[in-house]
């Protein structure tokens, strides 16, 4: 379980090394997804990061096996609490494979 902290007055960016997963799956074919929700049982998705997304996007480098989730200020500026998140991937024709998750606290930034 991961615990992340971010500020709501700056671009959100988080990276994760997926080398162990790349040894089992051809992640170059995967579609990655990350959801941020008020709590783990909520159906309300506050931010959906996805491979090829327009705003909240997940990029994966098949050489370094680094996944980066990124969202502009406009996606995080109203978040001021602790939320649940998880992330994983789907292979073509497969089920969602959860990699990890936890909590992310968005703090009020000061500098604008």
PDB file of N, CA and C in Angstrom:
ATOM      1  N   UNK A   1       0.844  -1.179   0.000  1.00  0.00           N
ATOM      2  CA  UNK A   1       0.000   0.000   0.000  1.00  0.00           C
ATOM      3  C   UNK A   1       0.890   1.243   0.000  1.00  0.00           C
ATOM      4  N   UNK A   2       0.577   2.149  -0.881  1.00  0.00           N
ATOM      5  CA  UNK A   2       1.369   3.367  -1.050  1.00  0.00           C
ATOM      6  C   UNK A   2       0.684   4.560  -0.401  1.00  0.00           C
ATOM      7  N   UNK A   3       1.477   5.512   0.059  1.00  0.00           N
ATOM      8  CA  UNK A   3       0.973   6.775   0.578  1.00  0.00           C
ATOM      9  C   UNK A   3       1.670   7.891  -0.187  1.00  0.00           C
ATOM     10  N   UNK A   4       0.885   8.655  -0.952  1.00  0.00           N
ATOM     11  CA  UNK A   4       1.427   9.749  -1.751  1.00  0.00           C
ATOM     12  C   UNK A   4       0.941  11.080  -1.200  1.00  0.00           C
ATOM     13  N   UNK A   5       1.737  12.124  -1.401  1.00  0.00           N
ATOM     14  CA  UNK A   5       1.354  13.487  -1.053  1.00  0.00           C
ATOM     15  C   UNK A   5       1.603  14.364  -2.262  1.00  0.00           C
ATOM     16  N   UNK A   6       0.661  15.240  -2.548  1.00  0.00           N
ATOM     17  CA  UNK A   6       0.789  16.161  -3.684  1.00  0.00           C
ATOM     18  C   UNK A   6       0.159  17.496  -3.290  1.00  0.00           C
ATOM     19  N   UNK A   7       0.410  18.501  -4.115  1.00  0.00           N
ATOM     20  CA  UNK A   7      -0.154  19.829  -3.887  1.00  0.00           C
ATOM     21  C   UNK A   7      -1.094  20.180  -5.028  1.00  0.00           C
ATOM     22  N   UNK A   8      -2.163  20.887  -4.682  1.00  0.00           N
ATOM     23  CA  UNK A   8      -3.194  21.185  -5.676  1.00  0.00           C
ATOM     24  C   UNK A   8      -2.917  22.436  -6.506  1.00  0.00           C
ATOM     25  N   UNK A   9      -1.727  23.019  -6.352  1.00  0.00           N
ATOM     26  CA  UNK A   9      -1.385  24.201  -7.152  1.00  0.00           C
ATOM     27  C   UNK A   9      -0.240  23.908  -8.115  1.00  0.00           C
ATOM     28  N   UNK A  10      -0.004  22.637  -8.377  1.00  0.00           N
ATOM     29  CA  UNK A  10       1.052  22.259  -9.317  1.00  0.00           C
ATOM     30  C   UNK A  10       0.646  20.992 -10.066  1.00  0.00           C
ATOM     31  N   UNK A  11       1.290  20.787 -11.196  1.00  0.00           N
ATOM     32  CA  UNK A  11       1.041  19.581 -11.983  1.00  0.00           C
ATOM     33  C   UNK A  11       1.323  18.356 -11.127  1.00  0.00           C
ATOM     34  N   UNK A  12       0.413  17.402 -11.169  1.00  0.00           N
ATOM     35  CA  UNK A  12       0.638  16.137 -10.468  1.00  0.00           C
ATOM     36  C   UNK A  12       1.449  15.228 -11.376  1.00  0.00           C
ATOM     37  N   UNK A  13       2.502  14.659 -10.827  1.00  0.00           N
ATOM     38  CA  UNK A  13       3.309  13.706 -11.586  1.00  0.00           C
ATOM     39  C   UNK A  13       3.874  12.677 -10.623  1.00  0.00           C
ATOM     40  N   UNK A  14       3.694  11.408 -10.968  1.00  0.00           N
ATOM     41  CA  UNK A  14       4.145  10.309 -10.128  1.00  0.00           C
ATOM     42  C   UNK A  14       4.664   9.195 -11.018  1.00  0.00           C
ATOM     43  N   UNK A  15       5.801   8.634 -10.667  1.00  0.00           N
ATOM     44  CA  UNK A  15       6.376   7.569 -11.490  1.00  0.00           C
ATOM     45  C   UNK A  15       6.567   6.305 -10.668  1.00  0.00           C
ATOM     46  N   UNK A  16       6.576   5.189 -11.367  1.00  0.00           N
ATOM     47  CA  UNK A  16       6.718   3.891 -10.724  1.00  0.00           C
ATOM     48  C   UNK A  16       7.533   2.986 -11.644  1.00  0.00           C
ATOM     49  N   UNK A  17       8.492   2.263 -11.081  1.00  0.00           N
ATOM     50  CA  UNK A  17       9.293   1.321 -11.843  1.00  0.00           C
ATOM     51  C   UNK A  17       8.544  -0.015 -11.922  1.00  0.00           C
ATOM     52  N   UNK A  18       8.268  -0.468 -13.133  1.00  0.00           N
ATOM     53  CA  UNK A  18       7.495  -1.693 -13.350  1.00  0.00           C
ATOM     54  C   UNK A  18       8.338  -2.827 -13.925  1.00  0.00           C
ATOM     55  N   UNK A  19       9.643  -2.811 -13.649  1.00  0.00           N
ATOM     56  CA  UNK A  19      10.540  -3.825 -14.195  1.00  0.00           C
ATOM     57  C   UNK A  19      10.083  -5.239 -13.836  1.00  0.00           C
ATOM     58  N   UNK A  20       9.673  -5.469 -12.600  1.00  0.00           N
ATOM     59  CA  UNK A  20       9.231  -6.805 -12.199  1.00  0.00           C
ATOM     60  C   UNK A  20       8.014  -7.256 -13.004  1.00  0.00           C
ATOM     61  N   UNK A  21       7.085  -6.343 -13.241  1.00  0.00           N
ATOM     62  CA  UNK A  21       5.887  -6.677 -14.017  1.00  0.00           C
ATOM     63  C   UNK A  21       6.240  -6.913 -15.481  1.00  0.00           C
ATOM     64  N   UNK A  22       7.220  -6.170 -15.987  1.00  0.00           N
ATOM     65  CA  UNK A  22       7.631  -6.314 -17.388  1.00  0.00           C
ATOM     66  C   UNK A  22       8.292  -7.666 -17.642  1.00  0.00           C
ATOM     67  N   UNK A  23       8.771  -8.308 -16.585  1.00  0.00           N
ATOM     68  CA  UNK A  23       9.334  -9.640 -16.733  1.00  0.00           C
ATOM     69  C   UNK A  23       8.270 -10.708 -16.954  1.00  0.00           C
ATOM     70  N   UNK A  24       7.022 -10.379 -16.638  1.00  0.00           N
ATOM     71  CA  UNK A  24       5.917 -11.328 -16.760  1.00  0.00           C
ATOM     72  C   UNK A  24       4.990 -10.975 -17.921  1.00  0.00           C
ATOM     73  N   UNK A  25       4.787  -9.678 -18.154  1.00  0.00           N
ATOM     74  CA  UNK A  25       3.860  -9.197 -19.172  1.00  0.00           C
ATOM     75  C   UNK A  25       4.600  -8.338 -20.193  1.00  0.00           C
ATOM     76  N   UNK A  26       4.123  -8.346 -21.413  1.00  0.00           N
ATOM     77  CA  UNK A  26       4.622  -7.429 -22.434  1.00  0.00           C
ATOM     78  C   UNK A  26       3.874  -6.108 -22.256  1.00  0.00           C
ATOM     79  N   UNK A  27       4.373  -5.250 -21.372  1.00  0.00           N
ATOM     80  CA  UNK A  27       3.659  -4.027 -21.002  1.00  0.00           C
ATOM     81  C   UNK A  27       3.564  -3.011 -22.140  1.00  0.00           C
ATOM     82  N   UNK A  28       4.322  -3.208 -23.196  1.00  0.00           N
ATOM     83  CA  UNK A  28       4.194  -2.321 -24.359  1.00  0.00           C
ATOM     84  C   UNK A  28       2.792  -2.445 -24.967  1.00  0.00           C
ATOM     85  N   UNK A  29       2.114  -3.558 -24.719  1.00  0.00           N
ATOM     86  CA  UNK A  29       0.765  -3.792 -25.247  1.00  0.00           C
ATOM     87  C   UNK A  29      -0.335  -3.400 -24.270  1.00  0.00           C
ATOM     88  N   UNK A  30       0.045  -3.034 -23.064  1.00  0.00           N
ATOM     89  CA  UNK A  30      -0.926  -2.783 -21.994  1.00  0.00           C
ATOM     90  C   UNK A  30      -1.563  -1.407 -22.106  1.00  0.00           C
ATOM     91  N   UNK A  31      -2.788  -1.324 -21.600  1.00  0.00           N
ATOM     92  CA  UNK A  31      -3.457  -0.051 -21.370  1.00  0.00           C
ATOM     93  C   UNK A  31      -3.454   0.165 -19.863  1.00  0.00           C
ATOM     94  N   UNK A  32      -2.794   1.238 -19.421  1.00  0.00           N
ATOM     95  CA  UNK A  32      -2.683   1.528 -17.995  1.00  0.00           C
ATOM     96  C   UNK A  32      -3.832   2.423 -17.553  1.00  0.00           C
ATOM     97  N   UNK A  33      -4.220   2.243 -16.295  1.00  0.00           N
ATOM     98  CA  UNK A  33      -5.314   3.046 -15.746  1.00  0.00           C
ATOM     99  C   UNK A  33      -5.051   3.281 -14.258  1.00  0.00           C
ATOM    100  N   UNK A  34      -5.395   4.483 -13.807  1.00  0.00           N
ATOM    101  CA  UNK A  34      -5.291   4.837 -12.385  1.00  0.00           C
ATOM    102  C   UNK A  34      -6.519   5.662 -12.029  1.00  0.00           C
ATOM    103  N   UNK A  35      -7.204   5.290 -10.953  1.00  0.00           N
ATOM    104  CA  UNK A  35      -8.375   6.029 -10.484  1.00  0.00           C
ATOM    105  C   UNK A  35      -8.094   6.658  -9.136  1.00  0.00           C
ATOM    106  N   UNK A  36      -8.544   7.893  -8.965  1.00  0.00           N
ATOM    107  CA  UNK A  36      -8.542   8.576  -7.676  1.00  0.00           C
ATOM    108  C   UNK A  36     -10.005   8.754  -7.289  1.00  0.00           C
ATOM    109  N   UNK A  37     -10.363   8.257  -6.091  1.00  0.00           N
ATOM    110  CA  UNK A  37     -11.752   8.285  -5.615  1.00  0.00           C
ATOM    111  C   UNK A  37     -11.791   8.831  -4.178  1.00  0.00           C
ATOM    112  N   UNK A  38     -12.955   9.318  -3.745  1.00  0.00           N
ATOM    113  CA  UNK A  38     -13.066   9.812  -2.362  1.00  0.00           C
ATOM    114  C   UNK A  38     -12.704   8.746  -1.326  1.00  0.00           C
ATOM    115  N   UNK A  39     -13.079   7.508  -1.583  1.00  0.00           N
ATOM    116  CA  UNK A  39     -12.733   6.384  -0.712  1.00  0.00           C
ATOM    117  C   UNK A  39     -12.781   5.118  -1.557  1.00  0.00           C
ATOM    118  N   UNK A  40     -12.243   4.004  -1.056  1.00  0.00           N
ATOM    119  CA  UNK A  40     -12.147   2.795  -1.878  1.00  0.00           C
ATOM    120  C   UNK A  40     -13.485   2.236  -2.366  1.00  0.00           C
ATOM    121  N   UNK A  41     -14.566   2.499  -1.654  1.00  0.00           N
ATOM    122  CA  UNK A  41     -15.866   1.940  -2.043  1.00  0.00           C
ATOM    123  C   UNK A  41     -16.687   2.871  -2.927  1.00  0.00           C
ATOM    124  N   UNK A  42     -16.216   4.081  -3.134  1.00  0.00           N
ATOM    125  CA  UNK A  42     -16.962   5.065  -3.911  1.00  0.00           C
ATOM    126  C   UNK A  42     -16.948   4.735  -5.402  1.00  0.00           C
ATOM    127  N   UNK A  43     -18.081   4.964  -6.054  1.00  0.00           N
ATOM    128  CA  UNK A  43     -18.146   4.814  -7.508  1.00  0.00           C
ATOM    129  C   UNK A  43     -17.787   6.124  -8.212  1.00  0.00           C
ATOM    130  N   UNK A  44     -17.552   7.178  -7.442  1.00  0.00           N
ATOM    131  CA  UNK A  44     -17.225   8.500  -7.976  1.00  0.00           C
ATOM    132  C   UNK A  44     -15.725   8.592  -8.289  1.00  0.00           C
ATOM    133  N   UNK A  45     -15.387   8.586  -9.564  1.00  0.00           N
ATOM    134  CA  UNK A  45     -13.992   8.721  -9.986  1.00  0.00           C
ATOM    135  C   UNK A  45     -13.679  10.209 -10.134  1.00  0.00           C
ATOM    136  N   UNK A  46     -12.808  10.727  -9.269  1.00  0.00           N
ATOM    137  CA  UNK A  46     -12.446  12.145  -9.314  1.00  0.00           C
ATOM    138  C   UNK A  46     -11.455  12.428 -10.438  1.00  0.00           C
ATOM    139  N   UNK A  47     -10.497  11.532 -10.625  1.00  0.00           N
ATOM    140  CA  UNK A  47      -9.536  11.648 -11.726  1.00  0.00           C
ATOM    141  C   UNK A  47      -9.310  10.246 -12.281  1.00  0.00           C
ATOM    142  N   UNK A  48      -9.390  10.122 -13.597  1.00  0.00           N
ATOM    143  CA  UNK A  48      -9.034   8.872 -14.253  1.00  0.00           C
ATOM    144  C   UNK A  48      -7.829   9.130 -15.142  1.00  0.00           C
ATOM    145  N   UNK A  49      -6.725   8.523 -14.786  1.00  0.00           N
ATOM    146  CA  UNK A  49      -5.517   8.565 -15.600  1.00  0.00           C
ATOM    147  C   UNK A  49      -5.581   7.350 -16.519  1.00  0.00           C
ATOM    148  N   UNK A  50      -5.232   7.530 -17.783  1.00  0.00           N
ATOM    149  CA  UNK A  50      -5.278   6.401 -18.711  1.00  0.00           C
ATOM    150  C   UNK A  50      -4.225   6.591 -19.800  1.00  0.00           C
ATOM    151  N   UNK A  51      -3.731   5.473 -20.299  1.00  0.00           N
ATOM    152  CA  UNK A  51      -2.805   5.517 -21.432  1.00  0.00           C
ATOM    153  C   UNK A  51      -3.493   6.252 -22.583  1.00  0.00           C
ATOM    154  N   UNK A  52      -2.833   7.245 -23.137  1.00  0.00           N
ATOM    155  CA  UNK A  52      -3.407   7.996 -24.252  1.00  0.00           C
ATOM    156  C   UNK A  52      -4.448   9.008 -23.843  1.00  0.00           C
ATOM    157  N   UNK A  53      -4.572   9.278 -22.552  1.00  0.00           N
ATOM    158  CA  UNK A  53      -5.562  10.237 -22.065  1.00  0.00           C
ATOM    159  C   UNK A  53      -5.270  11.647 -22.547  1.00  0.00           C
ATOM    160  N   UNK A  54      -6.304  12.474 -22.557  1.00  0.00           N
ATOM    161  CA  UNK A  54      -6.163  13.846 -23.038  1.00  0.00           C
ATOM    162  C   UNK A  54      -5.562  14.760 -21.964  1.00  0.00           C
ATOM    163  N   UNK A  55      -6.027  14.632 -20.736  1.00  0.00           N
ATOM    164  CA  UNK A  55      -5.543  15.479 -19.639  1.00  0.00           C
ATOM    165  C   UNK A  55      -4.743  14.657 -18.631  1.00  0.00           C
ATOM    166  N   UNK A  56      -5.413  13.765 -17.956  1.00  0.00           N
ATOM    167  CA  UNK A  56      -4.758  12.893 -16.980  1.00  0.00           C
ATOM    168  C   UNK A  56      -4.264  11.673 -17.741  1.00  0.00           C
ATOM    169  N   UNK A  57      -2.973  11.591 -17.907  1.00  0.00           N
ATOM    170  CA  UNK A  57      -2.397  10.603 -18.816  1.00  0.00           C
ATOM    171  C   UNK A  57      -1.393   9.704 -18.093  1.00  0.00           C
ATOM    172  N   UNK A  58      -1.262   8.486 -18.598  1.00  0.00           N
ATOM    173  CA  UNK A  58      -0.213   7.578 -18.133  1.00  0.00           C
ATOM    174  C   UNK A  58       0.680   7.258 -19.320  1.00  0.00           C
ATOM    175  N   UNK A  59       1.971   7.464 -19.120  1.00  0.00           N
ATOM    176  CA  UNK A  59       2.968   7.137 -20.132  1.00  0.00           C
ATOM    177  C   UNK A  59       3.797   5.969 -19.619  1.00  0.00           C
ATOM    178  N   UNK A  60       4.188   5.083 -20.518  1.00  0.00           N
ATOM    179  CA  UNK A  60       5.024   3.948 -20.140  1.00  0.00           C
ATOM    180  C   UNK A  60       6.175   3.842 -21.116  1.00  0.00           C
ATOM    181  N   UNK A  61       7.394   3.744 -20.581  1.00  0.00           N
ATOM    182  CA  UNK A  61       8.590   3.580 -21.403  1.00  0.00           C
ATOM    183  C   UNK A  61       8.998   2.112 -21.360  1.00  0.00           C
ATOM    184  N   UNK A  62       8.923   1.443 -22.488  1.00  0.00           N
ATOM    185  CA  UNK A  62       9.179   0.012 -22.546  1.00  0.00           C
ATOM    186  C   UNK A  62      10.660  -0.335 -22.369  1.00  0.00           C
ATOM    187  N   UNK A  63      11.549   0.629 -22.491  1.00  0.00           N
ATOM    188  CA  UNK A  63      12.977   0.375 -22.287  1.00  0.00           C
ATOM    189  C   UNK A  63      13.346   0.464 -20.809  1.00  0.00           C
ATOM    190  N   UNK A  64      12.936   1.531 -20.150  1.00  0.00           N
ATOM    191  CA  UNK A  64      13.257   1.722 -18.728  1.00  0.00           C
ATOM    192  C   UNK A  64      12.232   1.061 -17.807  1.00  0.00           C
ATOM    193  N   UNK A  65      11.061   0.738 -18.344  1.00  0.00           N
ATOM    194  CA  UNK A  65       9.937   0.151 -17.595  1.00  0.00           C
ATOM    195  C   UNK A  65       9.397   1.111 -16.542  1.00  0.00           C
ATOM    196  N   UNK A  66       9.518   2.402 -16.830  1.00  0.00           N
ATOM    197  CA  UNK A  66       8.988   3.429 -15.935  1.00  0.00           C
ATOM    198  C   UNK A  66       7.623   3.876 -16.439  1.00  0.00           C
ATOM    199  N   UNK A  67       6.647   3.877 -15.516  1.00  0.00           N
ATOM    200  CA  UNK A  67       5.317   4.393 -15.791  1.00  0.00           C
ATOM    201  C   UNK A  67       5.199   5.747 -15.105  1.00  0.00           C
ATOM    202  N   UNK A  68       4.668   6.739 -15.823  1.00  0.00           N
ATOM    203  CA  UNK A  68       4.472   8.072 -15.254  1.00  0.00           C
ATOM    204  C   UNK A  68       3.006   8.461 -15.407  1.00  0.00           C
ATOM    205  N   UNK A  69       2.382   8.793 -14.279  1.00  0.00           N
ATOM    206  CA  UNK A  69       1.016   9.322 -14.277  1.00  0.00           C
ATOM    207  C   UNK A  69       1.131  10.832 -14.099  1.00  0.00           C
ATOM    208  N   UNK A  70       0.422  11.579 -14.942  1.00  0.00           N
ATOM    209  CA  UNK A  70       0.549  13.036 -14.934  1.00  0.00           C
ATOM    210  C   UNK A  70      -0.804  13.692 -15.170  1.00  0.00           C
ATOM    211  N   UNK A  71      -1.046  14.780 -14.447  1.00  0.00           N
ATOM    212  CA  UNK A  71      -2.292  15.543 -14.624  1.00  0.00           C
ATOM    213  C   UNK A  71      -2.001  17.027 -14.442  1.00  0.00           C
ATOM    214  N   UNK A  72      -2.662  17.876 -15.231  1.00  0.00           N
ATOM    215  CA  UNK A  72      -2.451  19.327 -15.098  1.00  0.00           C
ATOM    216  C   UNK A  72      -3.112  19.873 -13.830  1.00  0.00           C
ATOM    217  N   UNK A  73      -2.749  21.076 -13.478  1.00  0.00           N
ATOM    218  CA  UNK A  73      -3.317  21.747 -12.304  1.00  0.00           C
ATOM    219  C   UNK A  73      -4.839  21.756 -12.361  1.00  0.00           C
ATOM    220  N   UNK A  74      -5.405  21.943 -13.529  1.00  0.00           N
ATOM    221  CA  UNK A  74      -6.863  22.015 -13.654  1.00  0.00           C
ATOM    222  C   UNK A  74      -7.569  20.757 -13.152  1.00  0.00           C
ATOM    223  N   UNK A  75      -6.884  19.628 -13.152  1.00  0.00           N
ATOM    224  CA  UNK A  75      -7.477  18.367 -12.671  1.00  0.00           C
ATOM    225  C   UNK A  75      -7.364  18.196 -11.159  1.00  0.00           C
ATOM    226  N   UNK A  76      -6.420  18.892 -10.520  1.00  0.00           N
ATOM    227  CA  UNK A  76      -6.174  18.681  -9.087  1.00  0.00           C
ATOM    228  C   UNK A  76      -6.462  19.904  -8.220  1.00  0.00           C
ATOM    229  N   UNK A  77      -6.740  21.049  -8.823  1.00  0.00           N
ATOM    230  CA  UNK A  77      -6.830  22.295  -8.063  1.00  0.00           C
ATOM    231  C   UNK A  77      -7.947  22.317  -7.018  1.00  0.00           C
ATOM    232  N   UNK A  78      -8.983  21.512  -7.169  1.00  0.00           N
ATOM    233  CA  UNK A  78     -10.076  21.506  -6.197  1.00  0.00           C
ATOM    234  C   UNK A  78      -9.980  20.374  -5.184  1.00  0.00           C
ATOM    235  N   UNK A  79      -8.911  19.606  -5.234  1.00  0.00           N
ATOM    236  CA  UNK A  79      -8.740  18.489  -4.308  1.00  0.00           C
ATOM    237  C   UNK A  79      -7.980  18.959  -3.073  1.00  0.00           C
ATOM    238  N   UNK A  80      -8.564  18.746  -1.894  1.00  0.00           N
ATOM    239  CA  UNK A  80      -7.954  19.237  -0.646  1.00  0.00           C
ATOM    240  C   UNK A  80      -8.197  18.262   0.488  1.00  0.00           C
ATOM    241  N   UNK A  81      -7.912  16.997   0.245  1.00  0.00           N
ATOM    242  CA  UNK A  81      -8.167  15.984   1.253  1.00  0.00           C
ATOM    243  C   UNK A  81      -7.330  14.749   0.944  1.00  0.00           C
ATOM    244  N   UNK A  82      -7.623  13.660   1.628  1.00  0.00           N
ATOM    245  CA  UNK A  82      -6.978  12.385   1.365  1.00  0.00           C
ATOM    246  C   UNK A  82      -7.952  11.500   0.603  1.00  0.00           C
ATOM    247  N   UNK A  83      -7.467  10.888  -0.451  1.00  0.00           N
ATOM    248  CA  UNK A  83      -8.300  10.090  -1.347  1.00  0.00           C
ATOM    249  C   UNK A  83      -7.683   8.705  -1.529  1.00  0.00           C
ATOM    250  N   UNK A  84      -8.492   7.782  -2.016  1.00  0.00           N
ATOM    251  CA  UNK A  84      -8.017   6.439  -2.340  1.00  0.00           C
ATOM    252  C   UNK A  84      -7.631   6.391  -3.809  1.00  0.00           C
ATOM    253  N   UNK A  85      -6.627   5.579  -4.136  1.00  0.00           N
ATOM    254  CA  UNK A  85      -6.285   5.392  -5.543  1.00  0.00           C
ATOM    255  C   UNK A  85      -5.778   3.972  -5.750  1.00  0.00           C
ATOM    256  N   UNK A  86      -5.898   3.507  -6.962  1.00  0.00           N
ATOM    257  CA  UNK A  86      -5.204   2.296  -7.359  1.00  0.00           C
ATOM    258  C   UNK A  86      -4.824   2.425  -8.820  1.00  0.00           C
ATOM    259  N   UNK A  87      -3.872   1.609  -9.235  1.00  0.00           N
ATOM    260  CA  UNK A  87      -3.447   1.645 -10.622  1.00  0.00           C
ATOM    261  C   UNK A  87      -3.085   0.243 -11.073  1.00  0.00           C
ATOM    262  N   UNK A  88      -3.199   0.057 -12.374  1.00  0.00           N
ATOM    263  CA  UNK A  88      -2.887  -1.238 -12.954  1.00  0.00           C
ATOM    264  C   UNK A  88      -2.988  -1.150 -14.463  1.00  0.00           C
ATOM    265  N   UNK A  89      -3.193  -2.298 -15.087  1.00  0.00           N
ATOM    266  CA  UNK A  89      -3.222  -2.342 -16.546  1.00  0.00           C
ATOM    267  C   UNK A  89      -4.135  -3.458 -17.023  1.00  0.00           C
ATOM    268  N   UNK A  90      -4.478  -3.351 -18.290  1.00  0.00           N
ATOM    269  CA  UNK A  90      -5.241  -4.383 -18.976  1.00  0.00           C
ATOM    270  C   UNK A  90      -4.479  -4.754 -20.229  1.00  0.00           C
ATOM    271  N   UNK A  91      -4.266  -6.042 -20.412  1.00  0.00           N
ATOM    272  CA  UNK A  91      -3.665  -6.537 -21.649  1.00  0.00           C
ATOM    273  C   UNK A  91      -4.784  -6.700 -22.675  1.00  0.00           C
ATOM    274  N   UNK A  92      -4.470  -6.690 -23.970  1.00  0.00           N
ATOM    275  CA  UNK A  92      -5.515  -6.862 -24.973  1.00  0.00           C
ATOM    276  C   UNK A  92      -6.345  -8.124 -24.695  1.00  0.00           C
ATOM    277  N   UNK A  93      -7.652  -7.941 -24.584  1.00  0.00           N
ATOM    278  CA  UNK A  93      -8.563  -9.052 -24.346  1.00  0.00           C
ATOM    279  C   UNK A  93      -8.533  -9.604 -22.936  1.00  0.00           C
ATOM    280  N   UNK A  94      -7.824  -8.921 -22.024  1.00  0.00           N
ATOM    281  CA  UNK A  94      -7.676  -9.452 -20.669  1.00  0.00           C
ATOM    282  C   UNK A  94      -8.452  -8.675 -19.626  1.00  0.00           C
ATOM    283  N   UNK A  95      -8.283  -9.100 -18.404  1.00  0.00           N
ATOM    284  CA  UNK A  95      -8.898  -8.457 -17.251  1.00  0.00           C
ATOM    285  C   UNK A  95      -7.949  -7.410 -16.677  1.00  0.00           C
ATOM    286  N   UNK A  96      -8.496  -6.503 -15.881  1.00  0.00           N
ATOM    287  CA  UNK A  96      -7.680  -5.500 -15.203  1.00  0.00           C
ATOM    288  C   UNK A  96      -6.776  -6.184 -14.191  1.00  0.00           C
ATOM    289  N   UNK A  97      -5.499  -5.857 -14.222  1.00  0.00           N
ATOM    290  CA  UNK A  97      -4.498  -6.390 -13.293  1.00  0.00           C
ATOM    291  C   UNK A  97      -4.054  -5.244 -12.389  1.00  0.00           C
ATOM    292  N   UNK A  98      -4.427  -5.305 -11.127  1.00  0.00           N
ATOM    293  CA  UNK A  98      -4.075  -4.245 -10.178  1.00  0.00           C
ATOM    294  C   UNK A  98      -2.613  -4.394  -9.778  1.00  0.00           C
ATOM    295  N   UNK A  99      -1.855  -3.314  -9.902  1.00  0.00           N
ATOM    296  CA  UNK A  99      -0.448  -3.320  -9.493  1.00  0.00           C
ATOM    297  C   UNK A  99      -0.327  -2.917  -8.031  1.00  0.00           C
ATOM    298  N   UNK A 100      -0.942  -1.805  -7.677  1.00  0.00           N
ATOM    299  CA  UNK A 100      -0.870  -1.320  -6.298  1.00  0.00           C
ATOM    300  C   UNK A 100      -1.885  -0.209  -6.118  1.00  0.00           C
ATOM    301  N   UNK A 101      -1.921   0.357  -4.951  1.00  0.00           N
ATOM    302  CA  UNK A 101      -2.816   1.459  -4.640  1.00  0.00           C
ATOM    303  C   UNK A 101      -2.520   1.955  -3.248  1.00  0.00           C
ATOM    304  N   UNK A 102      -3.406   2.788  -2.747  1.00  0.00           N
ATOM    305  CA  UNK A 102      -3.225   3.327  -1.406  1.00  0.00           C
ATOM    306  C   UNK A 102      -3.972   4.629  -1.254  1.00  0.00           C
ATOM    307  N   UNK A 103      -3.308   5.597  -0.638  1.00  0.00           N
ATOM    308  CA  UNK A 103      -3.922   6.905  -0.439  1.00  0.00           C
ATOM    309  C   UNK A 103      -3.048   7.988  -1.046  1.00  0.00           C
ATOM    310  N   UNK A 104      -3.717   9.043  -1.428  1.00  0.00           N
ATOM    311  CA  UNK A 104      -3.021  10.233  -1.916  1.00  0.00           C
ATOM    312  C   UNK A 104      -3.645  11.445  -1.236  1.00  0.00           C
ATOM    313  N   UNK A 105      -2.806  12.211  -0.571  1.00  0.00           N
ATOM    314  CA  UNK A 105      -3.261  13.417   0.090  1.00  0.00           C
ATOM    315  C   UNK A 105      -2.903  14.621  -0.771  1.00  0.00           C
ATOM    316  N   UNK A 106      -3.932  15.392  -1.132  1.00  0.00           N
ATOM    317  CA  UNK A 106      -3.693  16.651  -1.849  1.00  0.00           C
ATOM    318  C   UNK A 106      -3.762  17.768  -0.830  1.00  0.00           C
ATOM    319  N   UNK A 107      -2.656  18.490  -0.689  1.00  0.00           N
ATOM    320  CA  UNK A 107      -2.571  19.615   0.233  1.00  0.00           C
ATOM    321  C   UNK A 107      -2.785  20.911  -0.523  1.00  0.00           C
ATOM    322  N   UNK A 108      -3.276  21.902   0.195  1.00  0.00           N
ATOM    323  CA  UNK A 108      -3.473  23.222  -0.393  1.00  0.00           C
ATOM    324  C   UNK A 108      -2.110  23.848  -0.629  1.00  0.00           C
ATOM    325  N   UNK A 109      -1.818  24.173  -1.885  1.00  0.00           N
ATOM    326  CA  UNK A 109      -0.586  24.869  -2.211  1.00  0.00           C
ATOM    327  C   UNK A 109      -0.705  26.338  -1.873  1.00  0.00           C
ATOM    328  N   UNK A 110       0.417  27.004  -1.719  1.00  0.00           N
ATOM    329  CA  UNK A 110       0.437  28.414  -1.342  1.00  0.00           C
ATOM    330  C   UNK A 110       0.776  29.310  -2.533  1.00  0.00           C
ATOM    331  N   UNK A 111       1.821  28.978  -3.241  1.00  0.00           N
ATOM    332  CA  UNK A 111       2.262  29.815  -4.362  1.00  0.00           C
ATOM    333  C   UNK A 111       1.365  29.603  -5.560  1.00  0.00           C
ATOM    334  N   UNK A 112       0.964  30.715  -6.183  1.00  0.00           N
ATOM    335  CA  UNK A 112       0.079  30.631  -7.348  1.00  0.00           C
ATOM    336  C   UNK A 112       0.722  31.288  -8.522  1.00  0.00           C
TER     337      UNK A 112
END
